[in-house]
Amino acid sequence: MIAAQRAWARYVTTQDVENLLGLYDFGTPDEPLLFKPTLADVIRLDEVGARSYFVGGDPNYPNDHGFLKRGWKSVEFQSAAGPILKAGGLGYKDMGHYTFTDGSGNATRADYTFAYHKLDERVLISLHHSSLTWFPPVDT
């Protein structure tokens, strides 16, 4: 599972959309991928929606401008309590914060939840929820 996280971060920073999408299990219409991207308001259930988020340009998702085009140079995962192995050893879940840093050193922190499972000896993502971290207002 740690290898899957490292691969995910590597494909984000190298803008390798094909290998990045290869880490997801898009499932079936009865049991689809559940993907709520960080910088989007639309939940994705299929490869077309996920691809649009990462690279943009799909008229069905007009607010997608390409998450990978933001020039991320690093992604650092900070797990709160995971990865947690599911009973039977066929899956993992993880939740925490990750920080994306661009080429100018600007950092974007987000909260994540991932669920992974093994399929054909590969660890794939079946649930990915991410949102910008909420920081409470500072009282003065």
N, C-alpha and C. Protein backbone atom coordinates (compact mmCIF):
# COMPACT_ATOMS: atom_id res chain seq x y z
N MET A 1 0.82 -1.18 0.00
CA MET A 1 0.00 0.00 0.00
C MET A 1 0.87 1.25 0.00
N ILE A 2 1.94 1.24 0.77
CA ILE A 2 2.87 2.38 0.76
C ILE A 2 3.43 2.56 -0.65
N ALA A 3 3.70 1.46 -1.33
CA ALA A 3 4.20 1.55 -2.71
C ALA A 3 3.16 2.21 -3.61
N ALA A 4 1.88 1.93 -3.39
CA ALA A 4 0.82 2.56 -4.19
C ALA A 4 0.78 4.07 -3.93
N GLN A 5 0.95 4.47 -2.66
CA GLN A 5 0.99 5.91 -2.35
C GLN A 5 2.19 6.58 -3.02
N ARG A 6 3.31 5.93 -2.95
CA ARG A 6 4.52 6.51 -3.56
C ARG A 6 4.35 6.62 -5.08
N ALA A 7 3.76 5.59 -5.68
CA ALA A 7 3.52 5.62 -7.12
C ALA A 7 2.55 6.76 -7.46
N TRP A 8 1.50 6.92 -6.67
CA TRP A 8 0.53 7.98 -6.91
C TRP A 8 1.24 9.34 -6.87
N ALA A 9 2.04 9.58 -5.86
CA ALA A 9 2.78 10.84 -5.75
C ALA A 9 3.73 11.03 -6.92
N ARG A 10 4.42 9.98 -7.32
CA ARG A 10 5.36 10.07 -8.45
C ARG A 10 4.63 10.43 -9.74
N TYR A 11 3.48 9.79 -9.99
CA TYR A 11 2.75 10.06 -11.23
C TYR A 11 2.13 11.45 -11.22
N VAL A 12 1.77 11.97 -10.05
CA VAL A 12 1.28 13.34 -9.97
C VAL A 12 2.40 14.32 -10.30
N THR A 13 3.59 14.11 -9.74
CA THR A 13 4.69 15.06 -9.96
C THR A 13 5.31 14.93 -11.34
N THR A 14 5.17 13.78 -11.98
CA THR A 14 5.69 13.63 -13.35
C THR A 14 4.60 13.85 -14.40
N GLN A 15 3.40 14.17 -13.95
CA GLN A 15 2.25 14.42 -14.83
C GLN A 15 1.97 13.24 -15.75
N ASP A 16 2.11 12.04 -15.21
CA ASP A 16 1.91 10.80 -15.97
C ASP A 16 0.48 10.30 -15.76
N VAL A 17 -0.44 10.86 -16.52
CA VAL A 17 -1.86 10.57 -16.31
C VAL A 17 -2.20 9.11 -16.58
N GLU A 18 -1.57 8.49 -17.56
CA GLU A 18 -1.93 7.10 -17.88
C GLU A 18 -1.60 6.16 -16.72
N ASN A 19 -0.39 6.27 -16.18
CA ASN A 19 -0.03 5.42 -15.04
C ASN A 19 -0.80 5.81 -13.79
N LEU A 20 -1.09 7.10 -13.63
CA LEU A 20 -1.89 7.54 -12.48
C LEU A 20 -3.28 6.89 -12.53
N LEU A 21 -3.93 6.97 -13.67
CA LEU A 21 -5.26 6.36 -13.81
C LEU A 21 -5.19 4.85 -13.65
N GLY A 22 -4.05 4.26 -13.99
CA GLY A 22 -3.86 2.82 -13.82
C GLY A 22 -3.85 2.37 -12.36
N LEU A 23 -3.74 3.31 -11.43
CA LEU A 23 -3.77 2.99 -10.00
C LEU A 23 -5.19 2.89 -9.46
N TYR A 24 -6.17 3.27 -10.26
CA TYR A 24 -7.57 3.28 -9.83
C TYR A 24 -8.32 2.07 -10.38
N ASP A 25 -9.23 1.54 -9.57
CA ASP A 25 -10.15 0.50 -10.03
C ASP A 25 -11.47 1.21 -10.33
N PHE A 26 -11.80 1.33 -11.60
CA PHE A 26 -13.00 2.04 -11.99
C PHE A 26 -14.25 1.20 -11.83
N GLY A 27 -14.08 -0.07 -11.46
CA GLY A 27 -15.20 -0.91 -11.07
C GLY A 27 -16.23 -1.14 -12.15
N THR A 28 -17.47 -1.22 -11.70
CA THR A 28 -18.62 -1.49 -12.56
C THR A 28 -19.70 -0.45 -12.24
N PRO A 29 -20.74 -0.36 -13.08
CA PRO A 29 -21.82 0.58 -12.76
C PRO A 29 -22.47 0.29 -11.39
N ASP A 30 -22.47 -0.97 -10.98
CA ASP A 30 -23.05 -1.32 -9.67
C ASP A 30 -22.10 -1.04 -8.51
N GLU A 31 -20.81 -1.02 -8.78
CA GLU A 31 -19.81 -0.76 -7.75
C GLU A 31 -18.67 0.08 -8.35
N PRO A 32 -18.96 1.37 -8.61
CA PRO A 32 -17.97 2.22 -9.28
C PRO A 32 -16.91 2.75 -8.33
N LEU A 33 -15.87 3.30 -8.93
CA LEU A 33 -14.91 4.10 -8.18
C LEU A 33 -15.67 5.26 -7.55
N LEU A 34 -15.31 5.62 -6.34
CA LEU A 34 -15.84 6.81 -5.68
C LEU A 34 -14.68 7.79 -5.55
N PHE A 35 -14.74 8.91 -6.28
CA PHE A 35 -13.62 9.84 -6.36
C PHE A 35 -14.14 11.27 -6.25
N LYS A 36 -13.82 11.92 -5.14
CA LYS A 36 -14.12 13.33 -4.94
C LYS A 36 -12.79 14.06 -4.91
N PRO A 37 -12.43 14.73 -6.03
CA PRO A 37 -11.14 15.40 -6.12
C PRO A 37 -11.02 16.63 -5.23
N THR A 38 -9.79 17.00 -4.96
CA THR A 38 -9.48 18.12 -4.08
C THR A 38 -10.04 19.44 -4.58
N LEU A 39 -9.75 19.78 -5.82
CA LEU A 39 -10.08 21.10 -6.36
C LEU A 39 -11.25 21.02 -7.33
N ALA A 40 -12.27 20.26 -6.97
CA ALA A 40 -13.45 20.12 -7.82
C ALA A 40 -14.67 19.91 -6.95
N ASP A 41 -15.83 20.27 -7.50
CA ASP A 41 -17.07 20.09 -6.75
C ASP A 41 -17.89 18.91 -7.25
N VAL A 42 -17.41 18.22 -8.28
CA VAL A 42 -18.14 17.12 -8.88
C VAL A 42 -17.49 15.79 -8.50
N ILE A 43 -18.30 14.88 -7.95
CA ILE A 43 -17.82 13.54 -7.63
C ILE A 43 -17.72 12.74 -8.92
N ARG A 44 -16.66 11.96 -9.05
CA ARG A 44 -16.40 11.18 -10.27
C ARG A 44 -16.64 9.71 -9.97
N LEU A 45 -17.20 9.01 -10.96
CA LEU A 45 -17.49 7.58 -10.81
C LEU A 45 -16.85 6.74 -11.91
N ASP A 46 -16.14 7.38 -12.83
CA ASP A 46 -15.58 6.62 -13.95
C ASP A 46 -14.25 7.24 -14.41
N GLU A 47 -13.63 6.55 -15.35
CA GLU A 47 -12.32 6.98 -15.84
C GLU A 47 -12.40 8.31 -16.59
N VAL A 48 -13.47 8.54 -17.33
CA VAL A 48 -13.62 9.80 -18.06
C VAL A 48 -13.61 10.99 -17.10
N GLY A 49 -14.36 10.88 -16.00
CA GLY A 49 -14.41 11.95 -15.02
C GLY A 49 -13.08 12.15 -14.31
N ALA A 50 -12.42 11.05 -13.97
CA ALA A 50 -11.11 11.15 -13.31
C ALA A 50 -10.08 11.76 -14.25
N ARG A 51 -10.07 11.33 -15.49
CA ARG A 51 -9.12 11.88 -16.47
C ARG A 51 -9.34 13.38 -16.63
N SER A 52 -10.60 13.80 -16.71
CA SER A 52 -10.90 15.21 -16.87
C SER A 52 -10.34 16.02 -15.70
N TYR A 53 -10.50 15.51 -14.49
CA TYR A 53 -9.97 16.23 -13.34
C TYR A 53 -8.46 16.40 -13.46
N PHE A 54 -7.78 15.34 -13.82
CA PHE A 54 -6.32 15.39 -13.84
C PHE A 54 -5.76 16.21 -15.00
N VAL A 55 -6.40 16.20 -16.18
CA VAL A 55 -5.83 16.89 -17.33
C VAL A 55 -6.71 18.00 -17.90
N GLY A 56 -7.99 18.05 -17.54
CA GLY A 56 -8.88 19.08 -18.05
C GLY A 56 -9.28 18.85 -19.50
N GLY A 57 -10.03 19.81 -20.03
CA GLY A 57 -10.38 19.80 -21.44
C GLY A 57 -11.65 19.06 -21.82
N ASP A 58 -12.35 18.46 -20.87
CA ASP A 58 -13.57 17.74 -21.19
C ASP A 58 -14.75 18.70 -21.04
N PRO A 59 -15.52 18.94 -22.12
CA PRO A 59 -16.64 19.89 -22.02
C PRO A 59 -17.72 19.46 -21.03
N ASN A 60 -17.76 18.19 -20.66
CA ASN A 60 -18.72 17.74 -19.64
C ASN A 60 -18.31 18.16 -18.23
N TYR A 61 -17.06 18.58 -18.08
CA TYR A 61 -16.53 19.06 -16.80
C TYR A 61 -15.87 20.41 -17.04
N PRO A 62 -16.66 21.46 -17.29
CA PRO A 62 -16.08 22.74 -17.70
C PRO A 62 -15.21 23.42 -16.65
N ASN A 63 -15.32 23.03 -15.39
CA ASN A 63 -14.50 23.66 -14.36
C ASN A 63 -13.19 22.93 -14.10
N ASP A 64 -12.94 21.85 -14.83
CA ASP A 64 -11.68 21.13 -14.70
C ASP A 64 -10.61 21.80 -15.55
N HIS A 65 -9.53 22.18 -14.89
CA HIS A 65 -8.44 22.85 -15.61
C HIS A 65 -7.15 22.04 -15.59
N GLY A 66 -7.21 20.83 -15.04
CA GLY A 66 -6.04 19.96 -15.05
C GLY A 66 -5.22 20.06 -13.79
N PHE A 67 -5.54 19.22 -12.80
CA PHE A 67 -4.79 19.19 -11.55
C PHE A 67 -3.31 18.94 -11.79
N LEU A 68 -2.99 18.10 -12.75
CA LEU A 68 -1.58 17.78 -13.01
C LEU A 68 -0.83 18.96 -13.62
N LYS A 69 -1.54 19.88 -14.23
CA LYS A 69 -0.91 21.03 -14.89
C LYS A 69 -0.47 22.11 -13.90
N ARG A 70 -0.72 21.89 -12.63
CA ARG A 70 -0.34 22.88 -11.62
C ARG A 70 1.15 22.83 -11.28
N GLY A 71 1.88 21.88 -11.86
CA GLY A 71 3.33 21.85 -11.69
C GLY A 71 3.80 21.37 -10.34
N TRP A 72 3.10 20.38 -9.77
CA TRP A 72 3.50 19.86 -8.47
C TRP A 72 4.88 19.23 -8.56
N LYS A 73 5.75 19.58 -7.63
CA LYS A 73 7.11 19.02 -7.58
C LYS A 73 7.25 17.97 -6.48
N SER A 74 6.35 18.01 -5.48
CA SER A 74 6.39 16.99 -4.44
C SER A 74 4.99 16.82 -3.85
N VAL A 75 4.76 15.61 -3.33
CA VAL A 75 3.55 15.28 -2.60
C VAL A 75 3.99 14.53 -1.36
N GLU A 76 3.59 15.03 -0.19
CA GLU A 76 3.96 14.38 1.07
C GLU A 76 2.70 13.93 1.79
N PHE A 77 2.59 12.62 2.03
CA PHE A 77 1.48 12.05 2.78
C PHE A 77 1.79 12.08 4.26
N GLN A 78 0.81 12.47 5.07
CA GLN A 78 0.92 12.43 6.54
C GLN A 78 -0.32 11.70 7.05
N SER A 79 -0.19 10.39 7.19
CA SER A 79 -1.32 9.56 7.60
C SER A 79 -1.68 9.80 9.06
N ALA A 80 -2.98 9.83 9.34
CA ALA A 80 -3.44 9.98 10.72
C ALA A 80 -3.37 8.67 11.48
N ALA A 81 -3.65 7.56 10.80
CA ALA A 81 -3.68 6.28 11.49
C ALA A 81 -3.52 5.11 10.54
N GLY A 82 -2.89 5.31 9.46
CA GLY A 82 -2.88 4.22 8.48
C GLY A 82 -1.51 4.05 7.88
N PRO A 83 -1.43 3.23 6.93
CA PRO A 83 -2.53 2.48 6.34
C PRO A 83 -3.02 1.37 7.27
N ILE A 84 -4.32 1.18 7.29
CA ILE A 84 -4.94 0.17 8.13
C ILE A 84 -5.34 -1.00 7.25
N LEU A 85 -4.85 -2.18 7.60
CA LEU A 85 -5.15 -3.39 6.84
C LEU A 85 -6.56 -3.85 7.19
N LYS A 86 -7.37 -4.11 6.16
CA LYS A 86 -8.72 -4.62 6.38
C LYS A 86 -8.66 -6.08 6.76
N ALA A 87 -9.69 -6.55 7.45
CA ALA A 87 -9.78 -7.96 7.83
C ALA A 87 -9.65 -8.82 6.58
N GLY A 88 -8.91 -9.88 6.66
CA GLY A 88 -8.69 -10.76 5.51
C GLY A 88 -7.51 -10.36 4.66
N GLY A 89 -6.97 -9.16 4.89
CA GLY A 89 -5.75 -8.74 4.20
C GLY A 89 -5.92 -8.38 2.74
N LEU A 90 -7.14 -8.15 2.27
CA LEU A 90 -7.35 -7.86 0.86
C LEU A 90 -7.53 -6.38 0.57
N GLY A 91 -7.41 -5.55 1.57
CA GLY A 91 -7.57 -4.13 1.34
C GLY A 91 -6.97 -3.30 2.45
N TYR A 92 -6.89 -2.02 2.20
CA TYR A 92 -6.34 -1.06 3.14
C TYR A 92 -7.20 0.19 3.10
N LYS A 93 -7.13 0.96 4.17
CA LYS A 93 -7.73 2.28 4.15
C LYS A 93 -6.75 3.22 4.84
N ASP A 94 -6.84 4.48 4.46
CA ASP A 94 -5.91 5.47 5.00
C ASP A 94 -6.58 6.83 4.95
N MET A 95 -6.27 7.65 5.96
CA MET A 95 -6.80 9.01 6.04
C MET A 95 -5.74 9.89 6.66
N GLY A 96 -5.67 11.10 6.19
CA GLY A 96 -4.72 12.05 6.75
C GLY A 96 -4.67 13.32 5.94
N HIS A 97 -3.50 13.92 5.93
CA HIS A 97 -3.27 15.16 5.18
C HIS A 97 -2.18 14.86 4.16
N TYR A 98 -2.28 15.51 3.02
CA TYR A 98 -1.13 15.51 2.12
C TYR A 98 -0.89 16.92 1.65
N THR A 99 0.38 17.18 1.38
CA THR A 99 0.80 18.52 0.99
C THR A 99 1.43 18.44 -0.39
N PHE A 100 0.90 19.28 -1.29
CA PHE A 100 1.42 19.39 -2.65
C PHE A 100 2.24 20.67 -2.73
N THR A 101 3.45 20.56 -3.22
CA THR A 101 4.32 21.73 -3.34
C THR A 101 4.64 21.94 -4.81
N ASP A 102 4.45 23.19 -5.28
CA ASP A 102 4.72 23.48 -6.69
C ASP A 102 6.17 23.94 -6.87
N GLY A 103 6.52 24.24 -8.11
CA GLY A 103 7.89 24.62 -8.45
C GLY A 103 8.36 25.91 -7.81
N SER A 104 7.45 26.75 -7.36
CA SER A 104 7.81 28.00 -6.69
C SER A 104 7.87 27.85 -5.18
N GLY A 105 7.62 26.63 -4.69
CA GLY A 105 7.67 26.38 -3.26
C GLY A 105 6.35 26.63 -2.55
N ASN A 106 5.30 26.95 -3.29
CA ASN A 106 3.98 27.17 -2.69
C ASN A 106 3.35 25.82 -2.34
N ALA A 107 2.83 25.73 -1.13
CA ALA A 107 2.26 24.47 -0.65
C ALA A 107 0.74 24.56 -0.58
N THR A 108 0.09 23.46 -0.96
CA THR A 108 -1.36 23.31 -0.83
C THR A 108 -1.59 22.08 0.01
N ARG A 109 -2.26 22.26 1.14
CA ARG A 109 -2.53 21.13 2.03
C ARG A 109 -3.98 20.70 1.86
N ALA A 110 -4.17 19.41 1.78
CA ALA A 110 -5.52 18.84 1.64
C ALA A 110 -5.67 17.66 2.57
N ASP A 111 -6.92 17.33 2.88
CA ASP A 111 -7.25 16.14 3.66
C ASP A 111 -7.62 15.05 2.68
N TYR A 112 -7.25 13.81 2.98
CA TYR A 112 -7.55 12.71 2.07
C TYR A 112 -8.09 11.50 2.82
N THR A 113 -8.86 10.72 2.10
CA THR A 113 -9.26 9.38 2.50
C THR A 113 -9.11 8.51 1.27
N PHE A 114 -8.37 7.43 1.40
CA PHE A 114 -8.22 6.46 0.32
C PHE A 114 -8.63 5.09 0.83
N ALA A 115 -9.29 4.31 0.00
CA ALA A 115 -9.51 2.89 0.25
C ALA A 115 -8.87 2.15 -0.92
N TYR A 116 -8.11 1.13 -0.59
CA TYR A 116 -7.39 0.33 -1.57
C TYR A 116 -7.85 -1.12 -1.44
N HIS A 117 -7.74 -1.86 -2.54
CA HIS A 117 -7.96 -3.30 -2.47
C HIS A 117 -7.04 -3.99 -3.46
N LYS A 118 -6.85 -5.25 -3.23
CA LYS A 118 -6.00 -6.04 -4.13
C LYS A 118 -6.86 -6.68 -5.20
N LEU A 119 -6.42 -6.57 -6.43
CA LEU A 119 -7.08 -7.19 -7.58
C LEU A 119 -5.98 -7.65 -8.52
N ASP A 120 -5.97 -8.93 -8.80
CA ASP A 120 -4.93 -9.50 -9.66
C ASP A 120 -3.53 -9.13 -9.19
N GLU A 121 -3.31 -9.23 -7.89
CA GLU A 121 -2.01 -8.96 -7.25
C GLU A 121 -1.58 -7.50 -7.33
N ARG A 122 -2.49 -6.61 -7.70
CA ARG A 122 -2.18 -5.18 -7.74
C ARG A 122 -3.00 -4.48 -6.66
N VAL A 123 -2.44 -3.46 -6.05
CA VAL A 123 -3.16 -2.63 -5.08
C VAL A 123 -3.75 -1.45 -5.86
N LEU A 124 -5.10 -1.36 -5.85
CA LEU A 124 -5.80 -0.33 -6.60
C LEU A 124 -6.66 0.52 -5.68
N ILE A 125 -6.88 1.74 -6.08
CA ILE A 125 -7.70 2.69 -5.32
C ILE A 125 -9.16 2.50 -5.73
N SER A 126 -10.04 2.29 -4.74
CA SER A 126 -11.46 2.17 -5.02
C SER A 126 -12.26 3.34 -4.46
N LEU A 127 -11.67 4.10 -3.55
CA LEU A 127 -12.29 5.29 -3.00
C LEU A 127 -11.19 6.33 -2.77
N HIS A 128 -11.44 7.53 -3.25
CA HIS A 128 -10.49 8.63 -3.07
C HIS A 128 -11.32 9.88 -2.82
N HIS A 129 -11.24 10.39 -1.60
CA HIS A 129 -11.92 11.65 -1.25
C HIS A 129 -10.85 12.62 -0.78
N SER A 130 -10.90 13.82 -1.31
CA SER A 130 -9.90 14.82 -0.95
C SER A 130 -10.56 16.19 -0.94
N SER A 131 -10.17 17.01 0.01
CA SER A 131 -10.68 18.37 0.08
C SER A 131 -9.62 19.25 0.74
N LEU A 132 -9.69 20.53 0.44
CA LEU A 132 -8.74 21.45 1.06
C LEU A 132 -8.93 21.43 2.56
N THR A 133 -7.84 21.50 3.28
CA THR A 133 -7.88 21.50 4.74
C THR A 133 -8.54 22.78 5.23
N TRP A 134 -9.45 22.63 6.16
CA TRP A 134 -10.10 23.77 6.77
C TRP A 134 -9.25 24.25 7.94
N PHE A 135 -8.95 25.51 7.93
CA PHE A 135 -8.22 26.11 9.03
C PHE A 135 -9.16 27.09 9.73
N PRO A 136 -9.38 26.92 11.04
CA PRO A 136 -10.29 27.82 11.74
C PRO A 136 -9.76 29.26 11.71
N PRO A 137 -10.68 30.21 11.72
CA PRO A 137 -10.23 31.60 11.74
C PRO A 137 -9.46 31.90 13.03
N VAL A 138 -8.52 32.78 12.91
CA VAL A 138 -7.73 33.19 14.07
C VAL A 138 -8.42 34.37 14.73
N ASP A 139 -8.75 34.23 16.00
CA ASP A 139 -9.38 35.33 16.75
C ASP A 139 -8.31 36.34 17.12
N THR A 140 -8.64 37.58 16.91
CA THR A 140 -7.67 38.63 17.28
C THR A 140 -8.23 39.52 18.34
